PDB file of N, CA and C in Angstrom:
ATOM      1  N   MET A   1      79.208 123.397  88.504  1.00  0.00           N
ATOM      2  CA  MET A   1      78.091 122.852  87.654  1.00  0.00           C
ATOM      3  C   MET A   1      77.763 123.322  86.734  1.00  0.00           C
ATOM      4  N   PRO A   2      77.409 122.665  85.592  1.00  0.00           N
ATOM      5  CA  PRO A   2      77.674 122.896  83.812  1.00  0.00           C
ATOM      6  C   PRO A   2      76.458 123.345  83.721  1.00  0.00           C
ATOM      7  N   ILE A   3      75.646 124.413  82.740  1.00  0.00           N
ATOM      8  CA  ILE A   3      74.654 124.610  82.232  1.00  0.00           C
ATOM      9  C   ILE A   3      74.093 124.124  81.057  1.00  0.00           C
ATOM     10  N   TYR A   4      73.002 123.447  80.898  1.00  0.00           N
ATOM     11  CA  TYR A   4      72.784 122.572  79.742  1.00  0.00           C
ATOM     12  C   TYR A   4      71.697 123.169  79.430  1.00  0.00           C
ATOM     13  N   VAL A   5      71.426 122.944  78.251  1.00  0.00           N
ATOM     14  CA  VAL A   5      70.061 123.312  77.388  1.00  0.00           C
ATOM     15  C   VAL A   5      69.444 122.021  76.753  1.00  0.00           C
ATOM     16  N   TYR A   6      68.491 122.100  77.153  1.00  0.00           N
ATOM     17  CA  TYR A   6      67.295 120.686  76.535  1.00  0.00           C
ATOM     18  C   TYR A   6      66.114 121.685  75.618  1.00  0.00           C
ATOM     19  N   ARG A   7      65.768 120.887  74.732  1.00  0.00           N
ATOM     20  CA  ARG A   7      64.934 121.097  73.977  1.00  0.00           C
ATOM     21  C   ARG A   7      63.402 119.893  73.663  1.00  0.00           C
ATOM     22  N   CYS A   8      62.684 120.217  74.089  1.00  0.00           N
ATOM     23  CA  CYS A   8      61.401 119.265  74.464  1.00  0.00           C
ATOM     24  C   CYS A   8      61.320 118.764  72.468  1.00  0.00           C
ATOM     25  N   LEU A   9      60.830 117.604  72.064  1.00  0.00           N
ATOM     26  CA  LEU A   9      60.752 117.221  70.699  1.00  0.00           C
ATOM     27  C   LEU A   9      59.591 117.144  70.354  1.00  0.00           C
ATOM     28  N   ASP A  10      58.229 117.256  71.339  1.00  0.00           N
ATOM     29  CA  ASP A  10      56.869 117.717  71.438  1.00  0.00           C
ATOM     30  C   ASP A  10      57.097 119.655  70.764  1.00  0.00           C
ATOM     31  N   THR A  11      57.046 119.741  71.561  1.00  0.00           N
ATOM     32  CA  THR A  11      56.832 121.555  71.423  1.00  0.00           C
ATOM     33  C   THR A  11      57.887 122.455  70.997  1.00  0.00           C
ATOM     34  N   ASN A  12      59.440 121.836  70.865  1.00  0.00           N
ATOM     35  CA  ASN A  12      60.540 122.446  70.513  1.00  0.00           C
ATOM     36  C   ASN A  12      60.703 123.555  71.247  1.00  0.00           C
ATOM     37  N   GLU A  13      60.125 123.495  72.345  1.00  0.00           N
ATOM     38  CA  GLU A  13      60.449 124.791  73.732  1.00  0.00           C
ATOM     39  C   GLU A  13      61.914 124.479  74.003  1.00  0.00           C
ATOM     40  N   VAL A  14      62.397 125.203  74.346  1.00  0.00           N
ATOM     41  CA  VAL A  14      63.904 125.410  74.878  1.00  0.00           C
ATOM     42  C   VAL A  14      64.050 126.000  76.360  1.00  0.00           C
ATOM     43  N   LEU A  15      65.043 124.948  77.189  1.00  0.00           N
ATOM     44  CA  LEU A  15      65.345 125.563  78.893  1.00  0.00           C
ATOM     45  C   LEU A  15      66.593 124.875  78.829  1.00  0.00           C
ATOM     46  N   GLU A  16      67.300 126.396  79.718  1.00  0.00           N
ATOM     47  CA  GLU A  16      68.803 125.809  80.399  1.00  0.00           C
ATOM     48  C   GLU A  16      68.069 125.449  81.783  1.00  0.00           C
ATOM     49  N   VAL A  17      68.974 124.616  82.152  1.00  0.00           N
ATOM     50  CA  VAL A  17      69.229 123.920  83.546  1.00  0.00           C
ATOM     51  C   VAL A  17      70.557 123.859  83.971  1.00  0.00           C
ATOM     52  N   LEU A  18      70.793 124.419  85.139  1.00  0.00           N
ATOM     53  CA  LEU A  18      71.939 124.034  86.142  1.00  0.00           C
ATOM     54  C   LEU A  18      71.900 122.442  86.621  1.00  0.00           C
ATOM     55  N   HIS A  19      72.803 121.529  86.062  1.00  0.00           N
ATOM     56  CA  HIS A  19      72.703 120.251  87.234  1.00  0.00           C
ATOM     57  C   HIS A  19      73.976 119.707  87.069  1.00  0.00           C
ATOM     58  N   PRO A  20      74.250 118.370  88.275  1.00  0.00           N
ATOM     59  CA  PRO A  20      76.123 117.714  88.047  1.00  0.00           C
ATOM     60  C   PRO A  20      75.400 116.777  86.323  1.00  0.00           C
ATOM     61  N   ILE A  21      76.764 116.689  86.113  1.00  0.00           N
ATOM     62  CA  ILE A  21      77.291 116.137  84.933  1.00  0.00           C
ATOM     63  C   ILE A  21      76.780 114.423  85.137  1.00  0.00           C
ATOM     64  N   SER A  22      76.297 113.944  86.090  1.00  0.00           N
ATOM     65  CA  SER A  22      75.981 112.657  86.236  1.00  0.00           C
ATOM     66  C   SER A  22      74.251 112.585  85.977  1.00  0.00           C
ATOM     67  N   CYS A  23      73.751 113.675  86.233  1.00  0.00           N
ATOM     68  CA  CYS A  23      72.269 113.443  85.970  1.00  0.00           C
ATOM     69  C   CYS A  23      71.846 113.190  85.006  1.00  0.00           C
ATOM     70  N   THR A  24      70.919 112.215  84.359  1.00  0.00           N
ATOM     71  CA  THR A  24      70.337 112.284  83.109  1.00  0.00           C
ATOM     72  C   THR A  24      69.272 112.675  83.229  1.00  0.00           C
ATOM     73  N   ILE A  25      68.908 113.317  82.058  1.00  0.00           N
ATOM     74  CA  ILE A  25      67.523 113.808  82.196  1.00  0.00           C
ATOM     75  C   ILE A  25      66.507 113.099  80.471  1.00  0.00           C
ATOM     76  N   HIS A  26      65.374 112.460  80.419  1.00  0.00           N
ATOM     77  CA  HIS A  26      65.378 111.907  79.572  1.00  0.00           C
ATOM     78  C   HIS A  26      63.101 112.701  79.204  1.00  0.00           C
ATOM     79  N   THR A  27      62.846 113.468  79.938  1.00  0.00           N
ATOM     80  CA  THR A  27      61.111 113.778  79.555  1.00  0.00           C
ATOM     81  C   THR A  27      61.133 114.942  80.820  1.00  0.00           C
ATOM     82  N   TRP A  28      60.158 116.039  79.472  1.00  0.00           N
ATOM     83  CA  TRP A  28      60.138 117.883  79.860  1.00  0.00           C
ATOM     84  C   TRP A  28      59.517 117.296  81.651  1.00  0.00           C
ATOM     85  N   GLY A  29      59.095 116.753  82.602  1.00  0.00           N
ATOM     86  CA  GLY A  29      58.675 116.392  83.736  1.00  0.00           C
ATOM     87  C   GLY A  29      60.209 116.480  84.226  1.00  0.00           C
ATOM     88  N   GLU A  30      61.023 115.848  84.130  1.00  0.00           N
ATOM     89  CA  GLU A  30      62.240 115.662  84.611  1.00  0.00           C
ATOM     90  C   GLU A  30      62.800 116.759  84.629  1.00  0.00           C
ATOM     91  N   LEU A  31      63.040 117.515  83.353  1.00  0.00           N
ATOM     92  CA  LEU A  31      63.905 118.239  83.634  1.00  0.00           C
ATOM     93  C   LEU A  31      62.942 119.428  84.278  1.00  0.00           C
ATOM     94  N   CYS A  32      61.672 120.169  83.970  1.00  0.00           N
ATOM     95  CA  CYS A  32      61.243 120.450  84.673  1.00  0.00           C
ATOM     96  C   CYS A  32      61.586 120.561  86.456  1.00  0.00           C
ATOM     97  N   GLU A  33      61.347 119.368  86.941  1.00  0.00           N
ATOM     98  CA  GLU A  33      61.624 119.455  88.315  1.00  0.00           C
ATOM     99  C   GLU A  33      63.316 119.803  88.543  1.00  0.00           C
ATOM    100  N   VAL A  34      63.709 119.525  87.894  1.00  0.00           N
ATOM    101  CA  VAL A  34      65.459 119.824  88.135  1.00  0.00           C
ATOM    102  C   VAL A  34      65.399 121.246  87.867  1.00  0.00           C
ATOM    103  N   ALA A  35      65.005 121.993  87.078  1.00  0.00           N
ATOM    104  CA  ALA A  35      64.797 123.412  86.747  1.00  0.00           C
ATOM    105  C   ALA A  35      64.006 124.364  87.522  1.00  0.00           C
ATOM    106  N   GLN A  36      63.359 123.695  88.705  1.00  0.00           N
ATOM    107  CA  GLN A  36      62.326 124.320  89.714  1.00  0.00           C
ATOM    108  C   GLN A  36      61.717 124.709  89.237  1.00  0.00           C
ATOM    109  N   CYS A  37      60.731 124.678  87.723  1.00  0.00           N
ATOM    110  CA  CYS A  37      59.759 125.829  87.127  1.00  0.00           C
ATOM    111  C   CYS A  37      58.127 124.595  86.703  1.00  0.00           C
ATOM    112  N   ASP A  38      57.242 125.269  86.039  1.00  0.00           N
ATOM    113  CA  ASP A  38      56.140 124.853  85.576  1.00  0.00           C
ATOM    114  C   ASP A  38      56.097 123.766  84.491  1.00  0.00           C
ATOM    115  N   LEU A  39      55.467 122.994  84.158  1.00  0.00           N
ATOM    116  CA  LEU A  39      55.986 122.503  83.179  1.00  0.00           C
ATOM    117  C   LEU A  39      54.802 123.256  82.489  1.00  0.00           C
ATOM    118  N   GLY A  40      54.160 124.198  82.523  1.00  0.00           N
ATOM    119  CA  GLY A  40      53.601 125.250  81.352  1.00  0.00           C
ATOM    120  C   GLY A  40      52.224 124.082  80.584  1.00  0.00           C
ATOM    121  N   GLY A  41      52.037 124.173  79.317  1.00  0.00           N
ATOM    122  CA  GLY A  41      51.392 123.399  78.485  1.00  0.00           C
ATOM    123  C   GLY A  41      52.263 121.742  78.076  1.00  0.00           C
ATOM    124  N   THR A  42      53.404 122.069  78.463  1.00  0.00           N
ATOM    125  CA  THR A  42      53.761 120.445  77.591  1.00  0.00           C
ATOM    126  C   THR A  42      53.580 119.411  78.572  1.00  0.00           C
ATOM    127  N   ASP A  43      53.256 118.047  78.066  1.00  0.00           N
ATOM    128  CA  ASP A  43      52.752 116.868  78.558  1.00  0.00           C
ATOM    129  C   ASP A  43      54.294 116.292  79.594  1.00  0.00           C
ATOM    130  N   ALA A  44      54.173 116.425  80.646  1.00  0.00           N
ATOM    131  CA  ALA A  44      55.156 115.713  81.823  1.00  0.00           C
ATOM    132  C   ALA A  44      56.348 114.953  81.170  1.00  0.00           C
ATOM    133  N   LYS A  45      55.518 113.767  79.911  1.00  0.00           N
ATOM    134  CA  LYS A  45      56.368 112.368  79.784  1.00  0.00           C
ATOM    135  C   LYS A  45      56.666 113.266  78.399  1.00  0.00           C
ATOM    136  N   ALA A  46      56.732 114.383  77.647  1.00  0.00           N
ATOM    137  CA  ALA A  46      57.444 114.203  76.371  1.00  0.00           C
ATOM    138  C   ALA A  46      58.931 114.645  76.352  1.00  0.00           C
ATOM    139  N   PRO A  47      59.473 113.547  75.371  1.00  0.00           N
ATOM    140  CA  PRO A  47      60.721 113.502  75.846  1.00  0.00           C
ATOM    141  C   PRO A  47      61.735 114.805  75.042  1.00  0.00           C
ATOM    142  N   VAL A  48      62.858 114.888  75.945  1.00  0.00           N
ATOM    143  CA  VAL A  48      63.624 116.005  75.235  1.00  0.00           C
ATOM    144  C   VAL A  48      64.955 115.645  75.068  1.00  0.00           C
ATOM    145  N   LYS A  49      65.865 116.948  74.221  1.00  0.00           N
ATOM    146  CA  LYS A  49      67.392 115.790  73.688  1.00  0.00           C
ATOM    147  C   LYS A  49      68.022 117.326  74.358  1.00  0.00           C
ATOM    148  N   ARG A  50      69.362 116.855  74.877  1.00  0.00           N
ATOM    149  CA  ARG A  50      70.283 117.922  75.181  1.00  0.00           C
ATOM    150  C   ARG A  50      71.015 118.443  74.052  1.00  0.00           C
ATOM    151  N   LEU A  51      71.214 119.807  74.212  1.00  0.00           N
ATOM    152  CA  LEU A  51      71.222 120.438  72.499  1.00  0.00           C
ATOM    153  C   LEU A  51      72.479 120.706  73.498  1.00  0.00           C
ATOM    154  N   ILE A  52      74.277 120.709  71.941  1.00  0.00           N
ATOM    155  CA  ILE A  52      75.059 121.520  71.959  1.00  0.00           C
ATOM    156  C   ILE A  52      75.541 122.369  71.517  1.00  0.00           C
ATOM    157  N   THR A  53      75.824 123.038  72.769  1.00  0.00           N
ATOM    158  CA  THR A  53      76.509 124.837  72.682  1.00  0.00           C
ATOM    159  C   THR A  53      77.343 125.329  73.133  1.00  0.00           C
ATOM    160  N   ALA A  54      78.412 126.118  72.730  1.00  0.00           N
ATOM    161  CA  ALA A  54      78.932 126.682  72.861  1.00  0.00           C
ATOM    162  C   ALA A  54      79.401 127.323  74.335  1.00  0.00           C
ATOM    163  N   PRO A  55      80.586 127.170  74.925  1.00  0.00           N
ATOM    164  CA  PRO A  55      80.723 127.340  76.329  1.00  0.00           C
ATOM    165  C   PRO A  55      80.715 129.206  76.033  1.00  0.00           C
ATOM    166  N   GLY A  56      80.105 129.794  77.015  1.00  0.00           N
ATOM    167  CA  GLY A  56      79.876 130.988  77.496  1.00  0.00           C
ATOM    168  C   GLY A  56      81.306 131.975  77.984  1.00  0.00           C
ATOM    169  N   GLY A  57      81.767 133.171  77.292  1.00  0.00           N
ATOM    170  CA  GLY A  57      82.460 133.751  77.916  1.00  0.00           C
ATOM    171  C   GLY A  57      83.877 133.342  77.256  1.00  0.00           C
ATOM    172  N   VAL A  58      84.227 132.321  76.201  1.00  0.00           N
ATOM    173  CA  VAL A  58      85.360 132.066  75.009  1.00  0.00           C
ATOM    174  C   VAL A  58      86.032 133.605  74.668  1.00  0.00           C
ATOM    175  N   VAL A  59      86.833 133.764  74.765  1.00  0.00           N
ATOM    176  CA  VAL A  59      87.458 135.587  73.892  1.00  0.00           C
ATOM    177  C   VAL A  59      88.326 134.290  72.828  1.00  0.00           C
ATOM    178  N   VAL A  60      88.885 134.711  71.713  1.00  0.00           N
ATOM    179  CA  VAL A  60      89.945 134.350  70.789  1.00  0.00           C
ATOM    180  C   VAL A  60      90.439 135.896  70.763  1.00  0.00           C
ATOM    181  N   PRO A  61      91.967 135.569  70.972  1.00  0.00           N
ATOM    182  CA  PRO A  61      92.973 136.636  70.645  1.00  0.00           C
ATOM    183  C   PRO A  61      92.855 136.733  68.409  1.00  0.00           C
ATOM    184  N   LYS A  62      92.726 137.990  68.513  1.00  0.00           N
ATOM    185  CA  LYS A  62      92.728 138.587  67.667  1.00  0.00           C
ATOM    186  C   LYS A  62      93.775 139.502  67.005  1.00  0.00           C
ATOM    187  N   SER A  63      95.250 139.845  67.660  1.00  0.00           N
ATOM    188  CA  SER A  63      96.405 140.135  67.413  1.00  0.00           C
ATOM    189  C   SER A  63      97.474 139.814  68.609  1.00  0.00           C
ATOM    190  N   ASP A  64      98.752 139.647  67.737  1.00  0.00           N
ATOM    191  CA  ASP A  64      99.393 139.073  68.999  1.00  0.00           C
ATOM    192  C   ASP A  64      99.924 139.978  69.952  1.00  0.00           C
ATOM    193  N   SER A  65      99.377 140.980  70.278  1.00  0.00           N
ATOM    194  CA  SER A  65      98.953 141.435  71.737  1.00  0.00           C
ATOM    195  C   SER A  65      98.075 141.010  72.851  1.00  0.00           C
ATOM    196  N   ASP A  66      97.197 140.433  72.073  1.00  0.00           N
ATOM    197  CA  ASP A  66      95.784 140.147  72.650  1.00  0.00           C
ATOM    198  C   ASP A  66      96.441 138.464  73.334  1.00  0.00           C
ATOM    199  N   TYR A  67      96.900 138.159  72.628  1.00  0.00           N
ATOM    200  CA  TYR A  67      98.002 136.437  72.941  1.00  0.00           C
ATOM    201  C   TYR A  67      98.816 137.106  74.041  1.00  0.00           C
ATOM    202  N   LYS A  68      99.550 137.826  74.082  1.00  0.00           N
ATOM    203  CA  LYS A  68     100.746 138.239  75.763  1.00  0.00           C
ATOM    204  C   LYS A  68      99.917 139.093  76.268  1.00  0.00           C
ATOM    205  N   SER A  69      98.953 139.297  76.618  1.00  0.00           N
ATOM    206  CA  SER A  69      98.021 139.969  77.150  1.00  0.00           C
ATOM    207  C   SER A  69      97.163 138.874  78.153  1.00  0.00           C
ATOM    208  N   MET A  70      97.170 137.549  77.602  1.00  0.00           N
ATOM    209  CA  MET A  70      96.042 136.314  78.085  1.00  0.00           C
ATOM    210  C   MET A  70      96.794 135.344  78.490  1.00  0.00           C
ATOM    211  N   GLY A  71      98.250 135.736  78.512  1.00  0.00           N
ATOM    212  CA  GLY A  71      99.591 135.289  78.936  1.00  0.00           C
ATOM    213  C   GLY A  71     100.168 133.739  78.054  1.00  0.00           C
ATOM    214  N   PHE A  72      99.876 134.140  76.725  1.00  0.00           N
ATOM    215  CA  PHE A  72     100.436 133.213  76.166  1.00  0.00           C
ATOM    216  C   PHE A  72     101.158 134.147  74.996  1.00  0.00           C
ATOM    217  N   THR A  73     102.485 132.866  74.585  1.00  0.00           N
ATOM    218  CA  THR A  73     103.668 133.075  73.604  1.00  0.00           C
ATOM    219  C   THR A  73     103.041 132.420  72.491  1.00  0.00           C
ATOM    220  N   LYS A  74     103.380 133.314  71.165  1.00  0.00           N
ATOM    221  CA  LYS A  74     102.802 132.693  69.945  1.00  0.00           C
ATOM    222  C   LYS A  74     104.459 132.867  69.075  1.00  0.00           C
ATOM    223  N   LEU A  75     104.795 131.989  68.261  1.00  0.00           N
ATOM    224  CA  LEU A  75     106.170 131.319  68.189  1.00  0.00           C
ATOM    225  C   LEU A  75     105.536 131.244  66.396  1.00  0.00           C
ATOM    226  N   VAL A  76     105.539 132.015  65.422  1.00  0.00           N
ATOM    227  CA  VAL A  76     106.148 131.797  64.085  1.00  0.00           C
ATOM    228  C   VAL A  76     107.036 131.078  63.525  1.00  0.00           C
ATOM    229  N   ARG A  77     106.773 130.501  62.759  1.00  0.00           N
ATOM    230  CA  ARG A  77     108.149 129.714  62.240  1.00  0.00           C
ATOM    231  C   ARG A  77     108.671 130.392  60.834  1.00  0.00           C
ATOM    232  N   ARG A  78     109.830 130.850  61.103  1.00  0.00           N
ATOM    233  CA  ARG A  78     111.008 131.757  60.489  1.00  0.00           C
ATOM    234  C   ARG A  78     111.830 131.398  58.913  1.00  0.00           C
ATOM    235  N   GLY A  79     112.084 129.702  59.589  1.00  0.00           N
ATOM    236  CA  GLY A  79     112.680 128.792  58.713  1.00  0.00           C
ATOM    237  C   GLY A  79     113.412 127.686  59.526  1.00  0.00           C
ATOM    238  N   LYS A  80     113.506 126.760  58.705  1.00  0.00           N
ATOM    239  CA  LYS A  80     113.802 124.951  59.124  1.00  0.00           C
ATOM    240  C   LYS A  80     114.835 125.576  60.585  1.00  0.00           C
ATOM    241  N   GLY A  81     113.636 125.388  61.998  1.00  0.00           N
ATOM    242  CA  GLY A  81     113.841 124.962  63.335  1.00  0.00           C
ATOM    243  C   GLY A  81     114.566 126.193  63.597  1.00  0.00           C
ATOM    244  N   LEU A  82     113.740 127.398  63.294  1.00  0.00           N
ATOM    245  CA  LEU A  82     113.967 128.829  63.814  1.00  0.00           C
ATOM    246  C   LEU A  82     112.228 129.714  63.883  1.00  0.00           C
ATOM    247  N   TYR A  83     112.265 130.237  64.824  1.00  0.00           N
ATOM    248  CA  TYR A  83     110.855 130.819  64.767  1.00  0.00           C
ATOM    249  C   TYR A  83     110.668 131.442  65.803  1.00  0.00           C
ATOM    250  N   GLU A  84     110.032 132.924  65.178  1.00  0.00           N
ATOM    251  CA  GLU A  84     110.370 134.347  66.339  1.00  0.00           C
ATOM    252  C   GLU A  84     108.971 133.939  66.978  1.00  0.00           C
ATOM    253  N   ASN A  85     109.333 134.694  68.380  1.00  0.00           N
ATOM    254  CA  ASN A  85     108.007 134.965  69.472  1.00  0.00           C
ATOM    255  C   ASN A  85     108.129 136.508  69.082  1.00  0.00           C
ATOM    256  N   VAL A  86     106.413 136.375  68.272  1.00  0.00           N
ATOM    257  CA  VAL A  86     106.102 137.743  67.824  1.00  0.00           C
ATOM    258  C   VAL A  86     105.035 138.592  69.283  1.00  0.00           C
ATOM    259  N   THR A  87     105.444 137.951  70.047  1.00  0.00           N
ATOM    260  CA  THR A  87     104.625 138.581  71.387  1.00  0.00           C
ATOM    261  C   THR A  87     105.627 138.695  72.466  1.00  0.00           C
ATOM    262  N   ALA A  88     107.046 138.886  72.206  1.00  0.00           N
ATOM    263  CA  ALA A  88     107.906 139.259  72.696  1.00  0.00           C
ATOM    264  C   ALA A  88     108.198 140.920  72.576  1.00  0.00           C
ATOM    265  N   ASN A  89     108.351 140.887  74.553  1.00  0.00           N
ATOM    266  CA  ASN A  89     108.254 142.084  74.792  1.00  0.00           C
ATOM    267  C   ASN A  89     109.882 142.730  74.893  1.00  0.00           C
ATOM    268  N   GLU A  90     110.355 144.138  75.220  1.00  0.00           N
ATOM    269  CA  GLU A  90     111.697 144.690  75.004  1.00  0.00           C
ATOM    270  C   GLU A  90     112.313 144.138  75.792  1.00  0.00           C
ATOM    271  N   GLY A  91     113.293 143.430  75.244  1.00  0.00           N
ATOM    272  CA  GLY A  91     114.211 142.724  76.711  1.00  0.00           C
ATOM    273  C   GLY A  91     114.167 141.363  76.293  1.00  0.00           C
ATOM    274  N   GLU A  92     112.964 140.625  75.760  1.00  0.00           N
ATOM    275  CA  GLU A  92     113.190 139.401  76.112  1.00  0.00           C
ATOM    276  C   GLU A  92     113.470 138.755  74.538  1.00  0.00           C
ATOM    277  N   GLN A  93     114.048 137.517  74.506  1.00  0.00           N
ATOM    278  CA  GLN A  93     114.582 137.107  73.104  1.00  0.00           C
ATOM    279  C   GLN A  93     113.344 136.642  72.039  1.00  0.00           C
ATOM    280  N   ARG A  94     113.684 136.957  70.875  1.00  0.00           N
ATOM    281  CA  ARG A  94     112.882 137.032  69.692  1.00  0.00           C
ATOM    282  C   ARG A  94     113.095 135.919  69.429  1.00  0.00           C
ATOM    283  N   PHE A  95     114.102 135.529  68.984  1.00  0.00           N
ATOM    284  CA  PHE A  95     114.124 134.054  67.957  1.00  0.00           C
ATOM    285  C   PHE A  95     114.646 133.132  68.613  1.00  0.00           C
ATOM    286  N   ILE A  96     114.239 131.781  68.518  1.00  0.00           N
ATOM    287  CA  ILE A  96     114.525 130.658  69.136  1.00  0.00           C
ATOM    288  C   ILE A  96     114.824 130.160  68.650  1.00  0.00           C
ATOM    289  N   GLU A  97     115.744 129.140  68.323  1.00  0.00           N
ATOM    290  CA  GLU A  97     115.727 127.730  67.836  1.00  0.00           C
ATOM    291  C   GLU A  97     115.421 126.351  68.080  1.00  0.00           C
ATOM    292  N   ALA A  98     115.386 125.426  67.453  1.00  0.00           N
ATOM    293  CA  ALA A  98     114.475 124.361  67.687  1.00  0.00           C
ATOM    294  C   ALA A  98     115.534 123.647  67.962  1.00  0.00           C
TER     295      ALA A  98
END
C-alpha cells in the first residue's frame, strides 16, 4: 500500500498515512481514523487535501558506471544511425548501427 501525505486546510497540519489507493479521505476525522491517531486540537470535520510527493528511495544515476550497475545500457548517438554503448564492458560490442 502506498503512503499518502495530507494537509489540513484549517490548521495546515500535515499527516502521513498508509492506505489502499481505493480509499478516499475528505476530513481530518476520517484521516485520523485511518491513521489510528488522535484528532488533537483539530476539528474532525476540517477538510484535508492530499499532497503530491516524490517517491522515496529514487536513485538518479550520475555516471555511466551508475547506469551499468543499475542494469541499464546507455547509448550515445555518434552519427547518423551510429550509437556508442558507453556502458559496455570489455568484450562487449561498443558501437551499434541502427
